[in-house]
Amino acid sequence: MNMQAIMQQAQKMQRDLKKKKAELNAKEFSGTSELVDVVFTGDKKLKSVNIKIEGSLDQDDKEVLQDMMVIAINDAMGKIDKETEAMLGAYSSLGGLF
C-alpha cells in the first residue's frame, strides 16, 4: 500500500468512528432501582430522573428535586469530561475513543 492509500483508509476509519459515536450519543440508556429511574444519552448526559416515592413529597417538591438531580449529575459528568480531556487530550486525535 502506498502512503496515500493508507491516509485515505485512516480518514475513512475516522469518519466511520465519528458516525458510530453520533449514533451512540443519540441512543438513550435507562437505569432503575427500587426508588429511582434515570435516563442517560449515549454521551453520558442525564436526560431525566424519576423518583418513585409517592406521598412523602408533594408534586412540586418532587419535580424540583428531580431537576436538581439532573443538574448536579450533569455537572459532575462535565467535570469528568473536562479532566479526561486535560489528562488525555493528546490522544483526542484518535476520534473520541474515550
PDB file of N, CA and C in Angstrom:
ATOM      1  N   MET A   1       0.845  -1.193   0.000  1.00  0.00           N
ATOM      2  CA  MET A   1       0.000   0.000   0.000  1.00  0.00           C
ATOM      3  C   MET A   1       0.883   1.246   0.000  1.00  0.00           C
ATOM      4  N   ASN A   2       0.442   2.225  -0.753  1.00  0.00           N
ATOM      5  CA  ASN A   2       1.198   3.465  -0.728  1.00  0.00           C
ATOM      6  C   ASN A   2       0.671   4.373   0.381  1.00  0.00           C
ATOM      7  N   MET A   3       1.400   5.431   0.646  1.00  0.00           N
ATOM      8  CA  MET A   3       1.072   6.337   1.752  1.00  0.00           C
ATOM      9  C   MET A   3      -0.298   6.994   1.550  1.00  0.00           C
ATOM     10  N   GLN A   4      -0.635   7.341   0.317  1.00  0.00           N
ATOM     11  CA  GLN A   4      -1.924   7.979   0.058  1.00  0.00           C
ATOM     12  C   GLN A   4      -3.083   7.021   0.377  1.00  0.00           C
ATOM     13  N   ALA A   5      -2.939   5.767   0.036  1.00  0.00           N
ATOM     14  CA  ALA A   5      -3.976   4.780   0.329  1.00  0.00           C
ATOM     15  C   ALA A   5      -4.136   4.589   1.830  1.00  0.00           C
ATOM     16  N   ILE A   6      -3.023   4.587   2.535  1.00  0.00           N
ATOM     17  CA  ILE A   6      -3.071   4.453   3.998  1.00  0.00           C
ATOM     18  C   ILE A   6      -3.789   5.648   4.608  1.00  0.00           C
ATOM     19  N   MET A   7      -3.480   6.856   4.128  1.00  0.00           N
ATOM     20  CA  MET A   7      -4.134   8.056   4.646  1.00  0.00           C
ATOM     21  C   MET A   7      -5.642   8.035   4.354  1.00  0.00           C
ATOM     22  N   GLN A   8      -6.019   7.594   3.158  1.00  0.00           N
ATOM     23  CA  GLN A   8      -7.438   7.508   2.822  1.00  0.00           C
ATOM     24  C   GLN A   8      -8.154   6.509   3.718  1.00  0.00           C
ATOM     25  N   GLN A   9      -7.500   5.400   3.984  1.00  0.00           N
ATOM     26  CA  GLN A   9      -8.090   4.395   4.864  1.00  0.00           C
ATOM     27  C   GLN A   9      -8.234   4.941   6.286  1.00  0.00           C
ATOM     28  N   ALA A  10      -7.236   5.670   6.764  1.00  0.00           N
ATOM     29  CA  ALA A  10      -7.302   6.264   8.105  1.00  0.00           C
ATOM     30  C   ALA A  10      -8.425   7.293   8.179  1.00  0.00           C
ATOM     31  N   GLN A  11      -8.580   8.101   7.130  1.00  0.00           N
ATOM     32  CA  GLN A  11      -9.650   9.098   7.112  1.00  0.00           C
ATOM     33  C   GLN A  11     -11.019   8.432   7.094  1.00  0.00           C
ATOM     34  N   LYS A  12     -11.154   7.337   6.348  1.00  0.00           N
ATOM     35  CA  LYS A  12     -12.413   6.604   6.321  1.00  0.00           C
ATOM     36  C   LYS A  12     -12.729   6.034   7.695  1.00  0.00           C
ATOM     37  N   MET A  13     -11.716   5.474   8.348  1.00  0.00           N
ATOM     38  CA  MET A  13     -11.922   4.940   9.696  1.00  0.00           C
ATOM     39  C   MET A  13     -12.354   6.042  10.647  1.00  0.00           C
ATOM     40  N   GLN A  14     -11.758   7.227  10.527  1.00  0.00           N
ATOM     41  CA  GLN A  14     -12.117   8.341  11.398  1.00  0.00           C
ATOM     42  C   GLN A  14     -13.567   8.775  11.135  1.00  0.00           C
ATOM     43  N   ARG A  15     -13.984   8.840   9.866  1.00  0.00           N
ATOM     44  CA  ARG A  15     -15.381   9.191   9.545  1.00  0.00           C
ATOM     45  C   ARG A  15     -16.338   8.145  10.110  1.00  0.00           C
ATOM     46  N   ASP A  16     -15.978   6.875   9.954  1.00  0.00           N
ATOM     47  CA  ASP A  16     -16.822   5.791  10.474  1.00  0.00           C
ATOM     48  C   ASP A  16     -16.932   5.883  11.994  1.00  0.00           C
ATOM     49  N   LEU A  17     -15.821   6.177  12.650  1.00  0.00           N
ATOM     50  CA  LEU A  17     -15.818   6.298  14.104  1.00  0.00           C
ATOM     51  C   LEU A  17     -16.702   7.450  14.551  1.00  0.00           C
ATOM     52  N   LYS A  18     -16.607   8.591  13.865  1.00  0.00           N
ATOM     53  CA  LYS A  18     -17.449   9.740  14.211  1.00  0.00           C
ATOM     54  C   LYS A  18     -18.929   9.410  14.017  1.00  0.00           C
ATOM     55  N   LYS A  19     -19.250   8.688  12.939  1.00  0.00           N
ATOM     56  CA  LYS A  19     -20.639   8.301  12.678  1.00  0.00           C
ATOM     57  C   LYS A  19     -21.161   7.387  13.792  1.00  0.00           C
ATOM     58  N   LYS A  20     -20.347   6.397  14.184  1.00  0.00           N
ATOM     59  CA  LYS A  20     -20.747   5.482  15.261  1.00  0.00           C
ATOM     60  C   LYS A  20     -20.925   6.235  16.575  1.00  0.00           C
ATOM     61  N   LYS A  21     -20.017   7.191  16.845  1.00  0.00           N
ATOM     62  CA  LYS A  21     -20.109   7.984  18.073  1.00  0.00           C
ATOM     63  C   LYS A  21     -21.406   8.792  18.084  1.00  0.00           C
ATOM     64  N   ALA A  22     -21.762   9.380  16.942  1.00  0.00           N
ATOM     65  CA  ALA A  22     -23.012  10.144  16.852  1.00  0.00           C
ATOM     66  C   ALA A  22     -24.222   9.238  17.073  1.00  0.00           C
ATOM     67  N   GLU A  23     -24.170   8.025  16.518  1.00  0.00           N
ATOM     68  CA  GLU A  23     -25.261   7.066  16.722  1.00  0.00           C
ATOM     69  C   GLU A  23     -25.388   6.710  18.210  1.00  0.00           C
ATOM     70  N   LEU A  24     -24.256   6.473  18.837  1.00  0.00           N
ATOM     71  CA  LEU A  24     -24.261   6.145  20.267  1.00  0.00           C
ATOM     72  C   LEU A  24     -24.821   7.307  21.080  1.00  0.00           C
ATOM     73  N   ASN A  25     -24.391   8.525  20.768  1.00  0.00           N
ATOM     74  CA  ASN A  25     -24.854   9.701  21.513  1.00  0.00           C
ATOM     75  C   ASN A  25     -26.357   9.901  21.396  1.00  0.00           C
ATOM     76  N   ALA A  26     -26.950   9.478  20.273  1.00  0.00           N
ATOM     77  CA  ALA A  26     -28.386   9.655  20.065  1.00  0.00           C
ATOM     78  C   ALA A  26     -29.227   8.619  20.812  1.00  0.00           C
ATOM     79  N   LYS A  27     -28.617   7.528  21.230  1.00  0.00           N
ATOM     80  CA  LYS A  27     -29.366   6.487  21.943  1.00  0.00           C
ATOM     81  C   LYS A  27     -29.628   6.899  23.386  1.00  0.00           C
ATOM     82  N   GLU A  28     -30.647   6.283  23.965  1.00  0.00           N
ATOM     83  CA  GLU A  28     -30.972   6.502  25.376  1.00  0.00           C
ATOM     84  C   GLU A  28     -30.772   5.199  26.135  1.00  0.00           C
ATOM     85  N   PHE A  29     -30.248   5.337  27.359  1.00  0.00           N
ATOM     86  CA  PHE A  29     -29.992   4.200  28.226  1.00  0.00           C
ATOM     87  C   PHE A  29     -30.669   4.463  29.558  1.00  0.00           C
ATOM     88  N   SER A  30     -31.470   3.508  30.014  1.00  0.00           N
ATOM     89  CA  SER A  30     -32.185   3.699  31.273  1.00  0.00           C
ATOM     90  C   SER A  30     -31.600   2.805  32.355  1.00  0.00           C
ATOM     91  N   GLY A  31     -31.661   3.331  33.547  1.00  0.00           N
ATOM     92  CA  GLY A  31     -31.263   2.571  34.728  1.00  0.00           C
ATOM     93  C   GLY A  31     -32.378   2.667  35.743  1.00  0.00           C
ATOM     94  N   THR A  32     -32.505   1.661  36.551  1.00  0.00           N
ATOM     95  CA  THR A  32     -33.613   1.659  37.501  1.00  0.00           C
ATOM     96  C   THR A  32     -33.188   1.036  38.821  1.00  0.00           C
ATOM     97  N   SER A  33     -33.800   1.502  39.859  1.00  0.00           N
ATOM     98  CA  SER A  33     -33.647   0.895  41.178  1.00  0.00           C
ATOM     99  C   SER A  33     -35.020   0.879  41.818  1.00  0.00           C
ATOM    100  N   GLU A  34     -35.072   0.488  43.043  1.00  0.00           N
ATOM    101  CA  GLU A  34     -36.357   0.439  43.727  1.00  0.00           C
ATOM    102  C   GLU A  34     -37.044   1.793  43.792  1.00  0.00           C
ATOM    103  N   LEU A  35     -36.256   2.859  43.976  1.00  0.00           N
ATOM    104  CA  LEU A  35     -36.834   4.175  44.215  1.00  0.00           C
ATOM    105  C   LEU A  35     -36.615   5.188  43.098  1.00  0.00           C
ATOM    106  N   VAL A  36     -35.708   4.904  42.156  1.00  0.00           N
ATOM    107  CA  VAL A  36     -35.348   5.909  41.155  1.00  0.00           C
ATOM    108  C   VAL A  36     -35.185   5.269  39.779  1.00  0.00           C
ATOM    109  N   ASP A  37     -35.679   5.957  38.749  1.00  0.00           N
ATOM    110  CA  ASP A  37     -35.402   5.618  37.358  1.00  0.00           C
ATOM    111  C   ASP A  37     -34.629   6.788  36.749  1.00  0.00           C
ATOM    112  N   VAL A  38     -33.599   6.495  35.946  1.00  0.00           N
ATOM    113  CA  VAL A  38     -32.843   7.535  35.260  1.00  0.00           C
ATOM    114  C   VAL A  38     -32.703   7.168  33.790  1.00  0.00           C
ATOM    115  N   VAL A  39     -32.545   8.200  32.962  1.00  0.00           N
ATOM    116  CA  VAL A  39     -32.299   8.010  31.537  1.00  0.00           C
ATOM    117  C   VAL A  39     -31.113   8.882  31.145  1.00  0.00           C
ATOM    118  N   PHE A  40     -30.110   8.257  30.526  1.00  0.00           N
ATOM    119  CA  PHE A  40     -28.934   8.952  30.015  1.00  0.00           C
ATOM    120  C   PHE A  40     -28.906   8.840  28.499  1.00  0.00           C
ATOM    121  N   THR A  41     -28.295   9.823  27.851  1.00  0.00           N
ATOM    122  CA  THR A  41     -27.990   9.701  26.439  1.00  0.00           C
ATOM    123  C   THR A  41     -26.622   9.035  26.322  1.00  0.00           C
ATOM    124  N   GLY A  42     -26.282   8.599  25.130  1.00  0.00           N
ATOM    125  CA  GLY A  42     -25.023   7.892  24.928  1.00  0.00           C
ATOM    126  C   GLY A  42     -23.792   8.717  25.205  1.00  0.00           C
ATOM    127  N   ASP A  43     -23.931  10.040  25.235  1.00  0.00           N
ATOM    128  CA  ASP A  43     -22.792  10.889  25.568  1.00  0.00           C
ATOM    129  C   ASP A  43     -22.747  11.218  27.061  1.00  0.00           C
ATOM    130  N   LYS A  44     -23.403  10.376  27.845  1.00  0.00           N
ATOM    131  CA  LYS A  44     -23.386  10.435  29.311  1.00  0.00           C
ATOM    132  C   LYS A  44     -24.074  11.670  29.886  1.00  0.00           C
ATOM    133  N   LYS A  45     -25.032  12.222  29.165  1.00  0.00           N
ATOM    134  CA  LYS A  45     -25.821  13.335  29.689  1.00  0.00           C
ATOM    135  C   LYS A  45     -27.099  12.769  30.293  1.00  0.00           C
ATOM    136  N   LEU A  46     -27.372  13.190  31.518  1.00  0.00           N
ATOM    137  CA  LEU A  46     -28.589  12.738  32.188  1.00  0.00           C
ATOM    138  C   LEU A  46     -29.777  13.468  31.588  1.00  0.00           C
ATOM    139  N   LYS A  47     -30.719  12.699  31.096  1.00  0.00           N
ATOM    140  CA  LYS A  47     -31.899  13.271  30.462  1.00  0.00           C
ATOM    141  C   LYS A  47     -33.058  13.409  31.442  1.00  0.00           C
ATOM    142  N   SER A  48     -33.239  12.414  32.305  1.00  0.00           N
ATOM    143  CA  SER A  48     -34.343  12.502  33.256  1.00  0.00           C
ATOM    144  C   SER A  48     -34.092  11.640  34.483  1.00  0.00           C
ATOM    145  N   VAL A  49     -34.758  12.055  35.552  1.00  0.00           N
ATOM    146  CA  VAL A  49     -34.770  11.316  36.818  1.00  0.00           C
ATOM    147  C   VAL A  49     -36.225  11.214  37.238  1.00  0.00           C
ATOM    148  N   ASN A  50     -36.643  10.036  37.631  1.00  0.00           N
ATOM    149  CA  ASN A  50     -37.991   9.862  38.152  1.00  0.00           C
ATOM    150  C   ASN A  50     -37.879   9.232  39.531  1.00  0.00           C
ATOM    151  N   ILE A  51     -38.327   9.966  40.535  1.00  0.00           N
ATOM    152  CA  ILE A  51     -38.331   9.460  41.907  1.00  0.00           C
ATOM    153  C   ILE A  51     -39.661   8.763  42.133  1.00  0.00           C
ATOM    154  N   LYS A  52     -39.578   7.506  42.552  1.00  0.00           N
ATOM    155  CA  LYS A  52     -40.795   6.692  42.685  1.00  0.00           C
ATOM    156  C   LYS A  52     -41.362   6.695  44.107  1.00  0.00           C
ATOM    157  N   ILE A  53     -41.054   7.737  44.851  1.00  0.00           N
ATOM    158  CA  ILE A  53     -41.594   7.858  46.205  1.00  0.00           C
ATOM    159  C   ILE A  53     -42.887   8.663  46.119  1.00  0.00           C
ATOM    160  N   GLU A  54     -43.966   8.050  46.433  1.00  0.00           N
ATOM    161  CA  GLU A  54     -45.254   8.735  46.375  1.00  0.00           C
ATOM    162  C   GLU A  54     -45.727   9.034  47.794  1.00  0.00           C
ATOM    163  N   GLY A  55     -46.324  10.181  47.960  1.00  0.00           N
ATOM    164  CA  GLY A  55     -46.940  10.515  49.234  1.00  0.00           C
ATOM    165  C   GLY A  55     -46.048  11.292  50.182  1.00  0.00           C
ATOM    166  N   SER A  56     -44.754  11.031  50.203  1.00  0.00           N
ATOM    167  CA  SER A  56     -43.896  11.719  51.166  1.00  0.00           C
ATOM    168  C   SER A  56     -43.433  13.081  50.663  1.00  0.00           C
ATOM    169  N   LEU A  57     -43.517  13.325  49.364  1.00  0.00           N
ATOM    170  CA  LEU A  57     -43.174  14.623  48.779  1.00  0.00           C
ATOM    171  C   LEU A  57     -44.372  15.135  48.002  1.00  0.00           C
ATOM    172  N   ASP A  58     -44.613  16.466  48.076  1.00  0.00           N
ATOM    173  CA  ASP A  58     -45.656  16.960  47.194  1.00  0.00           C
ATOM    174  C   ASP A  58     -45.084  17.055  45.780  1.00  0.00           C
ATOM    175  N   GLN A  59     -45.922  17.156  44.789  1.00  0.00           N
ATOM    176  CA  GLN A  59     -45.505  17.071  43.386  1.00  0.00           C
ATOM    177  C   GLN A  59     -44.482  18.144  43.021  1.00  0.00           C
ATOM    178  N   ASP A  60     -44.666  19.380  43.503  1.00  0.00           N
ATOM    179  CA  ASP A  60     -43.719  20.456  43.186  1.00  0.00           C
ATOM    180  C   ASP A  60     -42.339  20.157  43.760  1.00  0.00           C
ATOM    181  N   ASP A  61     -42.289  19.694  45.016  1.00  0.00           N
ATOM    182  CA  ASP A  61     -41.007  19.356  45.634  1.00  0.00           C
ATOM    183  C   ASP A  61     -40.320  18.217  44.882  1.00  0.00           C
ATOM    184  N   LYS A  62     -41.107  17.242  44.471  1.00  0.00           N
ATOM    185  CA  LYS A  62     -40.573  16.101  43.738  1.00  0.00           C
ATOM    186  C   LYS A  62     -39.963  16.549  42.413  1.00  0.00           C
ATOM    187  N   GLU A  63     -40.656  17.420  41.690  1.00  0.00           N
ATOM    188  CA  GLU A  63     -40.156  17.898  40.402  1.00  0.00           C
ATOM    189  C   GLU A  63     -38.889  18.731  40.564  1.00  0.00           C
ATOM    190  N   VAL A  64     -38.865  19.578  41.582  1.00  0.00           N
ATOM    191  CA  VAL A  64     -37.666  20.389  41.840  1.00  0.00           C
ATOM    192  C   VAL A  64     -36.494  19.482  42.195  1.00  0.00           C
ATOM    193  N   LEU A  65     -36.703  18.488  43.043  1.00  0.00           N
ATOM    194  CA  LEU A  65     -35.651  17.550  43.422  1.00  0.00           C
ATOM    195  C   LEU A  65     -35.127  16.797  42.196  1.00  0.00           C
ATOM    196  N   GLN A  66     -36.024  16.350  41.347  1.00  0.00           N
ATOM    197  CA  GLN A  66     -35.617  15.640  40.133  1.00  0.00           C
ATOM    198  C   GLN A  66     -34.788  16.547  39.232  1.00  0.00           C
ATOM    199  N   ASP A  67     -35.225  17.787  39.038  1.00  0.00           N
ATOM    200  CA  ASP A  67     -34.478  18.739  38.208  1.00  0.00           C
ATOM    201  C   ASP A  67     -33.101  19.029  38.798  1.00  0.00           C
ATOM    202  N   MET A  68     -33.034  19.184  40.097  1.00  0.00           N
ATOM    203  CA  MET A  68     -31.751  19.461  40.746  1.00  0.00           C
ATOM    204  C   MET A  68     -30.802  18.264  40.635  1.00  0.00           C
ATOM    205  N   MET A  69     -31.342  17.063  40.677  1.00  0.00           N
ATOM    206  CA  MET A  69     -30.515  15.867  40.498  1.00  0.00           C
ATOM    207  C   MET A  69     -29.939  15.813  39.085  1.00  0.00           C
ATOM    208  N   VAL A  70     -30.743  16.138  38.088  1.00  0.00           N
ATOM    209  CA  VAL A  70     -30.272  16.167  36.701  1.00  0.00           C
ATOM    210  C   VAL A  70     -29.127  17.163  36.566  1.00  0.00           C
ATOM    211  N   ILE A  71     -29.296  18.364  37.096  1.00  0.00           N
ATOM    212  CA  ILE A  71     -28.268  19.405  37.000  1.00  0.00           C
ATOM    213  C   ILE A  71     -26.983  18.971  37.698  1.00  0.00           C
ATOM    214  N   ALA A  72     -27.099  18.434  38.903  1.00  0.00           N
ATOM    215  CA  ALA A  72     -25.913  18.034  39.667  1.00  0.00           C
ATOM    216  C   ALA A  72     -25.158  16.886  39.004  1.00  0.00           C
ATOM    217  N   ILE A  73     -25.888  15.904  38.511  1.00  0.00           N
ATOM    218  CA  ILE A  73     -25.229  14.757  37.872  1.00  0.00           C
ATOM    219  C   ILE A  73     -24.569  15.189  36.569  1.00  0.00           C
ATOM    220  N   ASN A  74     -25.240  16.021  35.775  1.00  0.00           N
ATOM    221  CA  ASN A  74     -24.624  16.504  34.543  1.00  0.00           C
ATOM    222  C   ASN A  74     -23.409  17.383  34.829  1.00  0.00           C
ATOM    223  N   ASP A  75     -23.441  18.151  35.907  1.00  0.00           N
ATOM    224  CA  ASP A  75     -22.291  18.957  36.301  1.00  0.00           C
ATOM    225  C   ASP A  75     -21.098  18.056  36.612  1.00  0.00           C
ATOM    226  N   ALA A  76     -21.341  16.996  37.365  1.00  0.00           N
ATOM    227  CA  ALA A  76     -20.262  16.057  37.693  1.00  0.00           C
ATOM    228  C   ALA A  76     -19.724  15.381  36.433  1.00  0.00           C
ATOM    229  N   MET A  77     -20.615  14.970  35.535  1.00  0.00           N
ATOM    230  CA  MET A  77     -20.177  14.340  34.286  1.00  0.00           C
ATOM    231  C   MET A  77     -19.341  15.312  33.458  1.00  0.00           C
ATOM    232  N   GLY A  78     -19.727  16.584  33.439  1.00  0.00           N
ATOM    233  CA  GLY A  78     -18.960  17.597  32.718  1.00  0.00           C
ATOM    234  C   GLY A  78     -17.562  17.754  33.285  1.00  0.00           C
ATOM    235  N   LYS A  79     -17.455  17.697  34.605  1.00  0.00           N
ATOM    236  CA  LYS A  79     -16.133  17.791  35.247  1.00  0.00           C
ATOM    237  C   LYS A  79     -15.278  16.575  34.902  1.00  0.00           C
ATOM    238  N   ILE A  80     -15.898  15.416  34.838  1.00  0.00           N
ATOM    239  CA  ILE A  80     -15.162  14.207  34.431  1.00  0.00           C
ATOM    240  C   ILE A  80     -14.656  14.370  33.006  1.00  0.00           C
ATOM    241  N   ASP A  81     -15.514  14.854  32.110  1.00  0.00           N
ATOM    242  CA  ASP A  81     -15.115  15.053  30.714  1.00  0.00           C
ATOM    243  C   ASP A  81     -13.965  16.057  30.615  1.00  0.00           C
ATOM    244  N   LYS A  82     -14.045  17.143  31.387  1.00  0.00           N
ATOM    245  CA  LYS A  82     -13.009  18.170  31.360  1.00  0.00           C
ATOM    246  C   LYS A  82     -11.671  17.611  31.857  1.00  0.00           C
ATOM    247  N   GLU A  83     -11.712  16.850  32.937  1.00  0.00           N
ATOM    248  CA  GLU A  83     -10.495  16.252  33.482  1.00  0.00           C
ATOM    249  C   GLU A  83      -9.924  15.208  32.524  1.00  0.00           C
ATOM    250  N   THR A  84     -10.800  14.434  31.902  1.00  0.00           N
ATOM    251  CA  THR A  84     -10.356  13.449  30.920  1.00  0.00           C
ATOM    252  C   THR A  84      -9.643  14.144  29.763  1.00  0.00           C
ATOM    253  N   GLU A  85     -10.206  15.245  29.293  1.00  0.00           N
ATOM    254  CA  GLU A  85      -9.580  15.999  28.201  1.00  0.00           C
ATOM    255  C   GLU A  85      -8.227  16.559  28.643  1.00  0.00           C
ATOM    256  N   ALA A  86      -8.157  17.066  29.870  1.00  0.00           N
ATOM    257  CA  ALA A  86      -6.895  17.620  30.362  1.00  0.00           C
ATOM    258  C   ALA A  86      -5.818  16.545  30.468  1.00  0.00           C
ATOM    259  N   MET A  87      -6.211  15.369  30.898  1.00  0.00           N
ATOM    260  CA  MET A  87      -5.235  14.300  31.101  1.00  0.00           C
ATOM    261  C   MET A  87      -4.908  13.549  29.823  1.00  0.00           C
ATOM    262  N   LEU A  88      -5.892  13.403  28.939  1.00  0.00           N
ATOM    263  CA  LEU A  88      -5.722  12.555  27.768  1.00  0.00           C
ATOM    264  C   LEU A  88      -5.894  13.308  26.458  1.00  0.00           C
ATOM    265  N   GLY A  89      -5.910  14.631  26.498  1.00  0.00           N
ATOM    266  CA  GLY A  89      -6.164  15.439  25.316  1.00  0.00           C
ATOM    267  C   GLY A  89      -5.215  15.161  24.167  1.00  0.00           C
ATOM    268  N   ALA A  90      -3.998  14.786  24.471  1.00  0.00           N
ATOM    269  CA  ALA A  90      -3.028  14.496  23.412  1.00  0.00           C
ATOM    270  C   ALA A  90      -3.488  13.340  22.544  1.00  0.00           C
ATOM    271  N   TYR A  91      -4.362  12.521  23.078  1.00  0.00           N
ATOM    272  CA  TYR A  91      -4.852  11.362  22.341  1.00  0.00           C
ATOM    273  C   TYR A  91      -6.191  11.617  21.667  1.00  0.00           C
ATOM    274  N   SER A  92      -6.694  12.857  21.730  1.00  0.00           N
ATOM    275  CA  SER A  92      -8.022  13.151  21.188  1.00  0.00           C
ATOM    276  C   SER A  92      -8.091  12.955  19.678  1.00  0.00           C
ATOM    277  N   SER A  93      -6.955  12.943  19.016  1.00  0.00           N
ATOM    278  CA  SER A  93      -6.957  12.709  17.564  1.00  0.00           C
ATOM    279  C   SER A  93      -7.382  11.286  17.215  1.00  0.00           C
ATOM    280  N   LEU A  94      -7.538  10.454  18.226  1.00  0.00           N
ATOM    281  CA  LEU A  94      -7.989   9.085  17.988  1.00  0.00           C
ATOM    282  C   LEU A  94      -9.492   9.016  17.753  1.00  0.00           C
ATOM    283  N   GLY A  95     -10.141  10.168  17.710  1.00  0.00           N
ATOM    284  CA  GLY A  95     -11.549  10.193  17.319  1.00  0.00           C
ATOM    285  C   GLY A  95     -12.523  10.026  18.468  1.00  0.00           C
ATOM    286  N   GLY A  96     -12.170  10.436  19.659  1.00  0.00           N
ATOM    287  CA  GLY A  96     -13.102  10.373  20.773  1.00  0.00           C
ATOM    288  C   GLY A  96     -13.348   8.967  21.274  1.00  0.00           C
ATOM    289  N   LEU A  97     -12.320   8.181  21.353  1.00  0.00           N
ATOM    290  CA  LEU A  97     -12.470   6.797  21.820  1.00  0.00           C
ATOM    291  C   LEU A  97     -12.784   6.721  23.299  1.00  0.00           C
ATOM    292  N   PHE A  98     -12.595   7.801  24.044  1.00  0.00           N
ATOM    293  CA  PHE A  98     -12.803   7.740  25.500  1.00  0.00           C
ATOM    294  C   PHE A  98     -13.749   8.775  25.966  1.00  0.00           C
TER     295      PHE A  98
END
